Amino acid sequence: MGVESRLLVAEQNIAGLGRRVRALEEARGSTRESEPDSQFATLCERFEERLRRLEGAPVRRRLTIREVAERLGVSTDTVLRDSKLGRLRVINMRPPGMKPKYRVTEEAFDEYAKGLSESSTPHRSTQD
C-alpha cells in the first residue's frame, strides 16, 4: 500500500472516530470541547504524527513537563496543575490505566507561555 493510500485510510479513520465521538457526546448531552486532554484529542495527535512521518515531513518535537517548567522557570507541579485546570494542553502518550506520560507540543507551549506572561503583569499599588 502506497503512502497516498495510507493517508486516505488514516483520514477516513480519523473522520469516523470524530463522528462516533460527536454522536456519543450528543447522546449524553455533553461536549468535550473544553477538555483538552480527551482521549480523542490524543488519538488525533498520534494520527497527525504518523501522517507526517508517512509524508516524510519532520515530526514535531514534544516537550516533557520538566522541559516546560525549566523553560518558564516554574515548578513541574505548577505545570501539571495548570494542565489539569485546562490552561496547558497536554497529550498523554500512554493508554488509560497506565501511569501518564505527558507531552506538550510547541504550539501548546507557546500558547501557555503567552498566557503566563499576560497574567504575570505587575500589579499596581493602591497607595499613592
C-alpha atoms as a PDB file:
ATOM      1  CA  MET A   1       0.000   0.000   0.000  1.00  0.00           C
ATOM      2  CA  GLY A   2       1.429   3.344  -1.052  1.00  0.00           C
ATOM      3  CA  VAL A   3       1.784   6.448   1.063  1.00  0.00           C
ATOM      4  CA  GLU A   4      -1.219   8.142  -0.539  1.00  0.00           C
ATOM      5  CA  SER A   5      -3.420   5.116   0.150  1.00  0.00           C
ATOM      6  CA  ARG A   6      -2.271   5.032   3.758  1.00  0.00           C
ATOM      7  CA  LEU A   7      -3.018   8.723   4.146  1.00  0.00           C
ATOM      8  CA  LEU A   8      -6.514   8.258   2.752  1.00  0.00           C
ATOM      9  CA  VAL A   9      -7.219   5.353   5.107  1.00  0.00           C
ATOM     10  CA  ALA A  10      -5.884   7.327   8.088  1.00  0.00           C
ATOM     11  CA  GLU A  11      -8.025  10.353   7.194  1.00  0.00           C
ATOM     12  CA  GLN A  12     -11.110   8.138   6.920  1.00  0.00           C
ATOM     13  CA  ASN A  13     -10.324   6.557  10.290  1.00  0.00           C
ATOM     14  CA  ILE A  14      -9.975   9.943  11.954  1.00  0.00           C
ATOM     15  CA  ALA A  15     -13.208  11.199  10.402  1.00  0.00           C
ATOM     16  CA  GLY A  16     -15.035   8.046  11.523  1.00  0.00           C
ATOM     17  CA  LEU A  17     -13.729   8.378  15.051  1.00  0.00           C
ATOM     18  CA  GLY A  18     -14.768  12.015  15.134  1.00  0.00           C
ATOM     19  CA  ARG A  19     -18.306  11.129  14.087  1.00  0.00           C
ATOM     20  CA  ARG A  20     -18.500   8.413  16.756  1.00  0.00           C
ATOM     21  CA  VAL A  21     -17.278  10.770  19.488  1.00  0.00           C
ATOM     22  CA  ARG A  22     -19.733  13.512  18.489  1.00  0.00           C
ATOM     23  CA  ALA A  23     -22.615  11.014  18.394  1.00  0.00           C
ATOM     24  CA  LEU A  24     -21.765   9.747  21.885  1.00  0.00           C
ATOM     25  CA  GLU A  25     -21.449  13.300  23.223  1.00  0.00           C
ATOM     26  CA  GLU A  26     -24.804  14.282  21.736  1.00  0.00           C
ATOM     27  CA  ALA A  27     -26.433  11.171  23.210  1.00  0.00           C
ATOM     28  CA  ARG A  28     -25.051  12.069  26.639  1.00  0.00           C
ATOM     29  CA  GLY A  29     -25.947  15.725  26.244  1.00  0.00           C
ATOM     30  CA  SER A  30     -22.418  16.935  26.794  1.00  0.00           C
ATOM     31  CA  THR A  31     -19.475  18.112  24.773  1.00  0.00           C
ATOM     32  CA  ARG A  32     -15.825  17.585  25.496  1.00  0.00           C
ATOM     33  CA  GLU A  33     -14.524  20.604  23.617  1.00  0.00           C
ATOM     34  CA  SER A  34     -13.430  22.168  26.889  1.00  0.00           C
ATOM     35  CA  GLU A  35     -11.475  19.047  27.860  1.00  0.00           C
ATOM     36  CA  PRO A  36      -8.124  19.480  26.088  1.00  0.00           C
ATOM     37  CA  ASP A  37      -6.696  16.162  27.235  1.00  0.00           C
ATOM     38  CA  SER A  38      -9.516  13.975  25.912  1.00  0.00           C
ATOM     39  CA  GLN A  39      -8.637  10.588  24.522  1.00  0.00           C
ATOM     40  CA  PHE A  40      -9.897  11.693  21.121  1.00  0.00           C
ATOM     41  CA  ALA A  41      -7.557  14.695  21.028  1.00  0.00           C
ATOM     42  CA  THR A  42      -4.669  12.430  21.971  1.00  0.00           C
ATOM     43  CA  LEU A  43      -5.594   9.972  19.242  1.00  0.00           C
ATOM     44  CA  CYS A  44      -5.770  12.760  16.663  1.00  0.00           C
ATOM     45  CA  GLU A  45      -2.331  13.992  17.701  1.00  0.00           C
ATOM     46  CA  ARG A  46      -0.936  10.485  17.257  1.00  0.00           C
ATOM     47  CA  PHE A  47      -2.519  10.179  13.803  1.00  0.00           C
ATOM     48  CA  GLU A  48      -1.114  13.547  12.785  1.00  0.00           C
ATOM     49  CA  GLU A  49       2.357  12.429  13.826  1.00  0.00           C
ATOM     50  CA  ARG A  50       2.040   9.188  11.877  1.00  0.00           C
ATOM     51  CA  LEU A  51       0.828  11.084   8.815  1.00  0.00           C
ATOM     52  CA  ARG A  52       3.755  13.464   8.999  1.00  0.00           C
ATOM     53  CA  ARG A  53       6.153  10.521   9.145  1.00  0.00           C
ATOM     54  CA  LEU A  54       4.483   8.884   6.139  1.00  0.00           C
ATOM     55  CA  GLU A  55       4.656  12.134   4.192  1.00  0.00           C
ATOM     56  CA  GLY A  56       8.325  12.471   5.034  1.00  0.00           C
ATOM     57  CA  ALA A  57       7.718  15.737   6.892  1.00  0.00           C
ATOM     58  CA  PRO A  58       9.691  16.425  10.041  1.00  0.00           C
ATOM     59  CA  VAL A  59       7.955  15.184  13.159  1.00  0.00           C
ATOM     60  CA  ARG A  60       7.179  17.923  15.640  1.00  0.00           C
ATOM     61  CA  ARG A  61       9.118  17.638  18.830  1.00  0.00           C
ATOM     62  CA  ARG A  62       7.132  17.355  22.014  1.00  0.00           C
ATOM     63  CA  LEU A  63       8.325  18.732  25.323  1.00  0.00           C
ATOM     64  CA  THR A  64       8.234  16.935  28.649  1.00  0.00           C
ATOM     65  CA  ILE A  65       6.621  18.550  31.676  1.00  0.00           C
ATOM     66  CA  ARG A  66      10.104  19.099  33.124  1.00  0.00           C
ATOM     67  CA  GLU A  67      11.291  20.857  29.939  1.00  0.00           C
ATOM     68  CA  VAL A  68       8.258  23.156  30.003  1.00  0.00           C
ATOM     69  CA  ALA A  69       8.909  24.007  33.656  1.00  0.00           C
ATOM     70  CA  GLU A  70      12.602  24.672  33.034  1.00  0.00           C
ATOM     71  CA  ARG A  71      11.937  26.918  30.043  1.00  0.00           C
ATOM     72  CA  LEU A  72       9.491  29.012  32.050  1.00  0.00           C
ATOM     73  CA  GLY A  73      11.276  28.969  35.403  1.00  0.00           C
ATOM     74  CA  VAL A  74       8.356  27.385  37.261  1.00  0.00           C
ATOM     75  CA  SER A  75       7.964  24.078  39.077  1.00  0.00           C
ATOM     76  CA  THR A  76       6.747  20.877  37.470  1.00  0.00           C
ATOM     77  CA  ASP A  77       3.884  20.928  39.985  1.00  0.00           C
ATOM     78  CA  THR A  78       2.757  24.286  38.570  1.00  0.00           C
ATOM     79  CA  VAL A  79       2.819  22.938  35.018  1.00  0.00           C
ATOM     80  CA  LEU A  80       0.883  19.786  35.995  1.00  0.00           C
ATOM     81  CA  ARG A  81      -1.678  21.816  37.952  1.00  0.00           C
ATOM     82  CA  ASP A  82      -2.193  24.175  35.024  1.00  0.00           C
ATOM     83  CA  SER A  83      -2.664  21.229  32.674  1.00  0.00           C
ATOM     84  CA  LYS A  84      -5.354  19.810  34.958  1.00  0.00           C
ATOM     85  CA  LEU A  85      -7.046  23.228  35.057  1.00  0.00           C
ATOM     86  CA  GLY A  86      -7.046  23.358  31.250  1.00  0.00           C
ATOM     87  CA  ARG A  87      -4.513  26.176  30.945  1.00  0.00           C
ATOM     88  CA  LEU A  88      -1.999  23.929  29.149  1.00  0.00           C
ATOM     89  CA  ARG A  89      -2.893  21.322  26.545  1.00  0.00           C
ATOM     90  CA  VAL A  90      -1.032  18.094  27.195  1.00  0.00           C
ATOM     91  CA  ILE A  91      -1.007  14.758  25.423  1.00  0.00           C
ATOM     92  CA  ASN A  92      -0.947  11.568  27.456  1.00  0.00           C
ATOM     93  CA  MET A  93       1.232   9.207  25.431  1.00  0.00           C
ATOM     94  CA  ARG A  94       0.128   6.141  27.375  1.00  0.00           C
ATOM     95  CA  PRO A  95      -3.219   4.339  27.347  1.00  0.00           C
ATOM     96  CA  PRO A  96      -5.709   4.801  30.202  1.00  0.00           C
ATOM     97  CA  GLY A  97      -4.884   2.771  33.289  1.00  0.00           C
ATOM     98  CA  MET A  98      -1.140   3.279  32.990  1.00  0.00           C
ATOM     99  CA  LYS A  99       0.934   5.949  34.666  1.00  0.00           C
ATOM    100  CA  PRO A 100       0.567   9.086  32.497  1.00  0.00           C
ATOM    101  CA  LYS A 101       3.424  10.197  30.275  1.00  0.00           C
ATOM    102  CA  TYR A 102       2.545  13.768  29.317  1.00  0.00           C
ATOM    103  CA  ARG A 103       3.988  15.652  26.380  1.00  0.00           C
ATOM    104  CA  VAL A 104       3.398  19.215  25.187  1.00  0.00           C
ATOM    105  CA  THR A 105       3.528  20.399  21.580  1.00  0.00           C
ATOM    106  CA  GLU A 106       5.464  23.541  20.714  1.00  0.00           C
ATOM    107  CA  GLU A 107       2.184  25.234  19.778  1.00  0.00           C
ATOM    108  CA  ALA A 108       0.620  24.405  23.150  1.00  0.00           C
ATOM    109  CA  PHE A 109       3.775  25.593  24.905  1.00  0.00           C
ATOM    110  CA  ASP A 110       3.690  28.926  23.054  1.00  0.00           C
ATOM    111  CA  GLU A 111       0.021  29.477  23.989  1.00  0.00           C
ATOM    112  CA  TYR A 112       0.720  28.595  27.622  1.00  0.00           C
ATOM    113  CA  ALA A 113       3.792  30.840  27.832  1.00  0.00           C
ATOM    114  CA  LYS A 114       1.830  33.716  26.310  1.00  0.00           C
ATOM    115  CA  GLY A 115      -0.945  33.220  28.858  1.00  0.00           C
ATOM    116  CA  LEU A 116       1.547  33.188  31.722  1.00  0.00           C
ATOM    117  CA  SER A 117       3.247  36.379  30.558  1.00  0.00           C
ATOM    118  CA  GLU A 118      -0.111  38.147  30.233  1.00  0.00           C
ATOM    119  CA  SER A 119      -1.259  37.067  33.695  1.00  0.00           C
ATOM    120  CA  SER A 120       2.010  37.958  35.391  1.00  0.00           C
ATOM    121  CA  THR A 121       1.922  41.672  34.685  1.00  0.00           C
ATOM    122  CA  PRO A 122       2.979  43.689  37.724  1.00  0.00           C
ATOM    123  CA  HIS A 123       0.163  44.792  39.978  1.00  0.00           C
ATOM    124  CA  ARG A 124      -0.112  48.469  40.766  1.00  0.00           C
ATOM    125  CA  SER A 125      -0.219  49.557  44.339  1.00  0.00           C
ATOM    126  CA  THR A 126      -3.448  51.166  45.503  1.00  0.00           C
ATOM    127  CA  GLN A 127      -1.494  53.505  47.784  1.00  0.00           C
ATOM    128  CA  ASP A 128      -0.017  56.708  46.344  1.00  0.00           C
END
